[in-house]
Protein backbone atom coordinates (compact mmCIF):
# COMPACT_ATOMS: atom_id res chain seq x y z
CA MET A 1 113.83 12.00 161.10
CA PHE A 2 110.10 12.00 161.86
CA ASP A 3 110.98 12.98 165.51
CA VAL A 4 111.46 9.26 166.33
CA GLU A 5 114.20 8.20 168.82
CA ILE A 6 115.89 4.87 168.12
CA ASP A 7 118.64 3.05 169.85
CA GLN A 8 120.27 1.31 166.78
CA GLU A 9 121.38 2.30 163.39
CA LEU A 10 118.87 1.65 160.65
CA PHE A 11 121.17 1.68 157.58
CA ASP A 12 124.81 1.74 156.66
CA GLU A 13 125.72 5.28 155.70
CA SER A 14 128.73 4.00 153.64
CA ILE A 15 126.43 2.47 151.04
CA PRO A 16 125.16 5.00 148.33
CA SER A 17 121.37 5.33 148.14
CA LEU A 18 121.39 7.16 144.78
CA SER A 19 121.99 5.66 141.37
CA PRO A 20 120.86 6.40 137.74
CA SER A 21 119.90 2.65 137.51
CA GLY A 22 117.37 3.17 140.21
CA ARG A 23 116.14 6.46 138.59
CA ASN A 24 116.39 8.12 142.02
CA THR A 25 119.11 10.77 141.36
CA PRO A 26 118.32 14.56 141.48
CA ALA A 27 118.31 14.39 137.68
CA TYR A 28 114.91 12.48 137.85
CA LEU A 29 113.32 15.06 140.12
CA CYS A 30 111.51 18.29 139.53
CA PRO A 31 113.29 21.38 140.95
CA ALA A 32 111.18 21.25 144.11
CA GLY A 33 112.16 17.64 144.60
CA ALA A 34 115.87 18.30 144.17
CA THR A 35 115.62 21.16 146.63
CA ARG A 36 113.89 18.95 149.17
CA MET A 37 116.53 16.16 148.64
CA LYS A 38 119.31 18.67 149.35
CA GLU A 39 117.53 19.87 152.57
CA GLU A 40 116.92 16.32 153.78
CA PHE A 41 120.58 15.41 153.19
CA LYS A 42 121.69 18.14 155.65
CA LYS A 43 120.17 15.93 158.35
CA PHE A 44 122.41 13.02 157.33
CA PRO A 45 125.75 14.49 156.41
CA GLU A 46 127.66 11.07 156.19
CA GLN A 47 125.02 9.68 153.80
CA TYR A 48 125.21 12.94 151.80
CA LYS A 49 128.98 12.62 151.36
CA THR A 50 128.65 8.86 150.40
CA ASN A 51 126.04 9.80 147.69
CA ILE A 52 128.07 12.75 146.39
CA ASP A 53 131.22 10.66 146.16
CA ALA A 54 129.35 7.87 144.32
CA LEU A 55 127.62 10.37 141.92
CA GLU A 56 130.92 12.11 141.12
CA LYS A 57 132.58 8.67 140.52
CA LEU A 58 129.97 7.98 137.83
CA ASN A 59 131.08 11.17 136.00
CA ASP A 60 127.78 11.67 134.20
CA PRO A 61 126.20 14.97 135.27
CA PHE A 62 123.27 14.45 132.84
CA LYS A 63 122.14 11.26 134.48
CA THR A 64 123.08 12.12 138.03
CA GLY A 65 122.00 15.82 138.31
CA ILE A 66 124.62 16.11 140.96
CA GLU A 67 124.77 19.93 140.56
CA PHE A 68 121.34 20.25 142.00
CA ILE A 69 122.35 18.99 145.33
CA LEU A 70 125.85 20.48 145.75
């Protein structure tokens, strides 16, 4: 991302980065923001899967907005 090469991992992709408690799920975004989030996740497929799994586990489509990034 940002065309910067690094030699070490910056974050653990097994930890979800989206949560209704942090108000950072697709449900809190405008349509353009949700579309951008979906496009950004294509660059990080492991993080995308981790977040999708975490949002599905919550089983609350209203708060997660998961359908916007599937």
